[in-house]
Amino acid sequence: MTRDVVTDLWPLYEAGEASADTRALVDEFLAQDPSFAVALRGGLQLPKVEAQMSQATEVQALRRTRDLVRGGGWLRGVRLFALVMTVFALKRLLQEASWAGSPARFIGEAALAATAWTVYALVLAQQRRRALRA
């Protein structure tokens, strides 16, 4: 084990999330290198910062985060439409696997699904870029 490995494991060790075996290895290494142990234990301490904001600001931030994760209401509708059209296209493909007839309905449903997924992806990416700039 090297100092770099112990440095990488230190946040887990310090947070109490490391396994018992990892804790034992780190303890053993630090016992053999007391100067490094002092440097690690006396390392950078980040100040605790409390951000004060109004309840309205908190609600707005929560809504923006939710919309970033799930997308807006109409965007969820586009996603649902794309999913339904994908299922229809796959169902049609399986039903008409013999290709004895015209595949026109499958092609139409697949094109609608592809268009809906494309619109969904482009609008979601644009919304996320705009939200991250704000």
C-alpha atoms as a PDB file:
ATOM      1  CA  MET A   1       0.000   0.000   0.000  1.00  0.00           C
ATOM      2  CA  THR A   2       1.229   3.495  -0.835  1.00  0.00           C
ATOM      3  CA  ARG A   3       0.481   6.987   0.401  1.00  0.00           C
ATOM      4  CA  ASP A   4      -1.589   7.626  -2.739  1.00  0.00           C
ATOM      5  CA  VAL A   5      -3.811   4.625  -1.989  1.00  0.00           C
ATOM      6  CA  VAL A   6      -4.305   5.746   1.597  1.00  0.00           C
ATOM      7  CA  THR A   7      -5.063   9.281   0.395  1.00  0.00           C
ATOM      8  CA  ASP A   8      -7.704   7.882  -1.979  1.00  0.00           C
ATOM      9  CA  LEU A   9      -9.256   5.806   0.815  1.00  0.00           C
ATOM     10  CA  TRP A  10      -9.105   8.571   3.414  1.00  0.00           C
ATOM     11  CA  PRO A  11     -12.513  10.178   2.658  1.00  0.00           C
ATOM     12  CA  LEU A  12     -14.241   6.796   3.104  1.00  0.00           C
ATOM     13  CA  TYR A  13     -12.221   6.098   6.245  1.00  0.00           C
ATOM     14  CA  GLU A  14     -12.960   9.523   7.713  1.00  0.00           C
ATOM     15  CA  ALA A  15     -16.683   9.276   6.917  1.00  0.00           C
ATOM     16  CA  GLY A  16     -16.896   5.855   8.590  1.00  0.00           C
ATOM     17  CA  GLU A  17     -17.991   4.187   5.354  1.00  0.00           C
ATOM     18  CA  ALA A  18     -14.915   2.027   4.813  1.00  0.00           C
ATOM     19  CA  SER A  19     -15.110  -1.689   5.553  1.00  0.00           C
ATOM     20  CA  ALA A  20     -13.432  -3.117   8.629  1.00  0.00           C
ATOM     21  CA  ASP A  21     -10.636  -4.613   6.505  1.00  0.00           C
ATOM     22  CA  THR A  22      -9.964  -1.277   4.790  1.00  0.00           C
ATOM     23  CA  ARG A  23      -9.939   0.516   8.128  1.00  0.00           C
ATOM     24  CA  ALA A  24      -7.437  -2.015   9.466  1.00  0.00           C
ATOM     25  CA  LEU A  25      -5.145  -1.569   6.454  1.00  0.00           C
ATOM     26  CA  VAL A  26      -5.255   2.215   6.719  1.00  0.00           C
ATOM     27  CA  ASP A  27      -4.642   2.077  10.485  1.00  0.00           C
ATOM     28  CA  GLU A  28      -1.675  -0.229   9.965  1.00  0.00           C
ATOM     29  CA  PHE A  29      -0.183   2.000   7.275  1.00  0.00           C
ATOM     30  CA  LEU A  30      -0.641   5.153   9.364  1.00  0.00           C
ATOM     31  CA  ALA A  31       0.959   3.454  12.382  1.00  0.00           C
ATOM     32  CA  GLN A  32       4.060   2.841  10.265  1.00  0.00           C
ATOM     33  CA  ASP A  33       4.130   6.407   8.883  1.00  0.00           C
ATOM     34  CA  PRO A  34       3.211   8.776  11.746  1.00  0.00           C
ATOM     35  CA  SER A  35       4.183  11.967   9.904  1.00  0.00           C
ATOM     36  CA  PHE A  36       1.797  11.101   7.061  1.00  0.00           C
ATOM     37  CA  ALA A  37      -0.903  10.262   9.625  1.00  0.00           C
ATOM     38  CA  VAL A  38      -0.496  13.708  11.199  1.00  0.00           C
ATOM     39  CA  ALA A  39      -0.670  15.336   7.744  1.00  0.00           C
ATOM     40  CA  LEU A  40      -3.851  13.406   6.854  1.00  0.00           C
ATOM     41  CA  ARG A  41      -5.602  14.007  10.145  1.00  0.00           C
ATOM     42  CA  GLY A  42      -4.692  17.695  10.169  1.00  0.00           C
ATOM     43  CA  GLY A  43      -5.626  18.108   6.519  1.00  0.00           C
ATOM     44  CA  LEU A  44      -7.809  20.677   4.903  1.00  0.00           C
ATOM     45  CA  GLN A  45     -10.959  21.366   6.846  1.00  0.00           C
ATOM     46  CA  LEU A  46     -13.732  22.881   4.781  1.00  0.00           C
ATOM     47  CA  PRO A  47     -15.842  25.461   6.558  1.00  0.00           C
ATOM     48  CA  LYS A  48     -19.468  24.641   7.098  1.00  0.00           C
ATOM     49  CA  VAL A  49     -21.596  27.041   5.123  1.00  0.00           C
ATOM     50  CA  GLU A  50     -25.285  27.517   5.657  1.00  0.00           C
ATOM     51  CA  ALA A  51     -27.058  29.041   2.678  1.00  0.00           C
ATOM     52  CA  GLN A  52     -29.998  31.151   3.732  1.00  0.00           C
ATOM     53  CA  MET A  53     -32.823  31.473   1.234  1.00  0.00           C
ATOM     54  CA  SER A  54     -36.496  32.142   1.335  1.00  0.00           C
ATOM     55  CA  GLN A  55     -39.040  29.368   1.107  1.00  0.00           C
ATOM     56  CA  ALA A  56     -40.137  30.615  -2.339  1.00  0.00           C
ATOM     57  CA  THR A  57     -36.544  30.363  -3.597  1.00  0.00           C
ATOM     58  CA  GLU A  58     -36.233  26.848  -2.177  1.00  0.00           C
ATOM     59  CA  VAL A  59     -39.472  25.775  -3.884  1.00  0.00           C
ATOM     60  CA  GLN A  60     -38.307  27.265  -7.181  1.00  0.00           C
ATOM     61  CA  ALA A  61     -34.954  25.459  -6.921  1.00  0.00           C
ATOM     62  CA  LEU A  62     -36.713  22.191  -6.141  1.00  0.00           C
ATOM     63  CA  ARG A  63     -39.034  22.588  -9.143  1.00  0.00           C
ATOM     64  CA  ARG A  64     -36.115  23.387 -11.462  1.00  0.00           C
ATOM     65  CA  THR A  65     -34.249  20.328 -10.218  1.00  0.00           C
ATOM     66  CA  ARG A  66     -37.322  18.137 -10.686  1.00  0.00           C
ATOM     67  CA  ASP A  67     -37.848  19.456 -14.196  1.00  0.00           C
ATOM     68  CA  LEU A  68     -34.192  18.859 -15.021  1.00  0.00           C
ATOM     69  CA  VAL A  69     -34.507  15.257 -13.931  1.00  0.00           C
ATOM     70  CA  ARG A  70     -37.964  14.433 -15.305  1.00  0.00           C
ATOM     71  CA  GLY A  71     -38.505  17.116 -17.922  1.00  0.00           C
ATOM     72  CA  GLY A  72     -41.503  19.439 -18.101  1.00  0.00           C
ATOM     73  CA  GLY A  73     -45.091  18.182 -18.252  1.00  0.00           C
ATOM     74  CA  TRP A  74     -45.436  18.329 -22.027  1.00  0.00           C
ATOM     75  CA  LEU A  75     -41.971  16.810 -22.419  1.00  0.00           C
ATOM     76  CA  ARG A  76     -43.093  13.833 -20.343  1.00  0.00           C
ATOM     77  CA  GLY A  77     -46.036  13.577 -22.757  1.00  0.00           C
ATOM     78  CA  VAL A  78     -43.648  13.465 -25.722  1.00  0.00           C
ATOM     79  CA  ARG A  79     -41.657  10.744 -23.962  1.00  0.00           C
ATOM     80  CA  LEU A  80     -44.832   8.734 -23.332  1.00  0.00           C
ATOM     81  CA  PHE A  81     -45.931   9.150 -26.970  1.00  0.00           C
ATOM     82  CA  ALA A  82     -42.497   8.005 -28.164  1.00  0.00           C
ATOM     83  CA  LEU A  83     -42.643   4.962 -25.908  1.00  0.00           C
ATOM     84  CA  VAL A  84     -46.151   4.018 -27.063  1.00  0.00           C
ATOM     85  CA  MET A  85     -45.208   4.400 -30.739  1.00  0.00           C
ATOM     86  CA  THR A  86     -42.113   2.256 -30.161  1.00  0.00           C
ATOM     87  CA  VAL A  87     -44.261  -0.474 -28.631  1.00  0.00           C
ATOM     88  CA  PHE A  88     -46.745  -0.255 -31.514  1.00  0.00           C
ATOM     89  CA  ALA A  89     -43.951  -0.475 -34.083  1.00  0.00           C
ATOM     90  CA  LEU A  90     -42.386  -3.499 -32.385  1.00  0.00           C
ATOM     91  CA  LYS A  91     -45.788  -5.171 -32.069  1.00  0.00           C
ATOM     92  CA  ARG A  92     -46.463  -4.584 -35.755  1.00  0.00           C
ATOM     93  CA  LEU A  93     -43.030  -5.960 -36.642  1.00  0.00           C
ATOM     94  CA  LEU A  94     -43.688  -9.143 -34.677  1.00  0.00           C
ATOM     95  CA  GLN A  95     -47.212  -9.547 -36.098  1.00  0.00           C
ATOM     96  CA  GLU A  96     -46.096  -9.108 -39.689  1.00  0.00           C
ATOM     97  CA  ALA A  97     -42.860 -11.064 -39.421  1.00  0.00           C
ATOM     98  CA  SER A  98     -43.671 -12.962 -42.610  1.00  0.00           C
ATOM     99  CA  TRP A  99     -43.460  -9.712 -44.610  1.00  0.00           C
ATOM    100  CA  ALA A 100     -46.085 -11.128 -46.961  1.00  0.00           C
ATOM    101  CA  GLY A 101     -47.923  -7.820 -46.954  1.00  0.00           C
ATOM    102  CA  SER A 102     -46.784  -4.235 -47.142  1.00  0.00           C
ATOM    103  CA  PRO A 103     -44.646  -2.995 -44.225  1.00  0.00           C
ATOM    104  CA  ALA A 104     -46.051   0.514 -44.654  1.00  0.00           C
ATOM    105  CA  ARG A 105     -47.810   0.611 -41.254  1.00  0.00           C
ATOM    106  CA  PHE A 106     -44.680  -0.584 -39.459  1.00  0.00           C
ATOM    107  CA  ILE A 107     -42.568   2.010 -41.266  1.00  0.00           C
ATOM    108  CA  GLY A 108     -45.053   4.768 -40.370  1.00  0.00           C
ATOM    109  CA  GLU A 109     -45.171   3.799 -36.689  1.00  0.00           C
ATOM    110  CA  ALA A 110     -41.397   3.417 -36.518  1.00  0.00           C
ATOM    111  CA  ALA A 111     -40.916   6.822 -38.168  1.00  0.00           C
ATOM    112  CA  LEU A 112     -43.305   8.444 -35.674  1.00  0.00           C
ATOM    113  CA  ALA A 113     -41.477   6.798 -32.779  1.00  0.00           C
ATOM    114  CA  ALA A 114     -38.064   7.891 -34.097  1.00  0.00           C
ATOM    115  CA  THR A 115     -39.304  11.448 -34.619  1.00  0.00           C
ATOM    116  CA  ALA A 116     -40.791  11.613 -31.122  1.00  0.00           C
ATOM    117  CA  TRP A 117     -37.595  10.271 -29.511  1.00  0.00           C
ATOM    118  CA  THR A 118     -35.533  12.787 -31.483  1.00  0.00           C
ATOM    119  CA  VAL A 119     -37.747  15.687 -30.412  1.00  0.00           C
ATOM    120  CA  TYR A 120     -37.636  14.484 -26.819  1.00  0.00           C
ATOM    121  CA  ALA A 121     -33.828  14.195 -26.779  1.00  0.00           C
ATOM    122  CA  LEU A 122     -33.239  17.570 -28.433  1.00  0.00           C
ATOM    123  CA  VAL A 123     -35.683  19.493 -26.242  1.00  0.00           C
ATOM    124  CA  LEU A 124     -34.456  17.810 -23.051  1.00  0.00           C
ATOM    125  CA  ALA A 125     -30.834  18.644 -23.897  1.00  0.00           C
ATOM    126  CA  GLN A 126     -31.788  22.244 -24.671  1.00  0.00           C
ATOM    127  CA  GLN A 127     -33.727  22.597 -21.399  1.00  0.00           C
ATOM    128  CA  ARG A 128     -30.858  21.182 -19.365  1.00  0.00           C
ATOM    129  CA  ARG A 129     -28.346  23.529 -21.008  1.00  0.00           C
ATOM    130  CA  ARG A 130     -30.620  26.508 -20.316  1.00  0.00           C
ATOM    131  CA  ALA A 131     -31.210  25.454 -16.694  1.00  0.00           C
ATOM    132  CA  LEU A 132     -27.516  24.955 -16.017  1.00  0.00           C
ATOM    133  CA  ARG A 133     -26.718  28.421 -17.406  1.00  0.00           C
ATOM    134  CA  ALA A 134     -29.244  30.101 -15.112  1.00  0.00           C
END
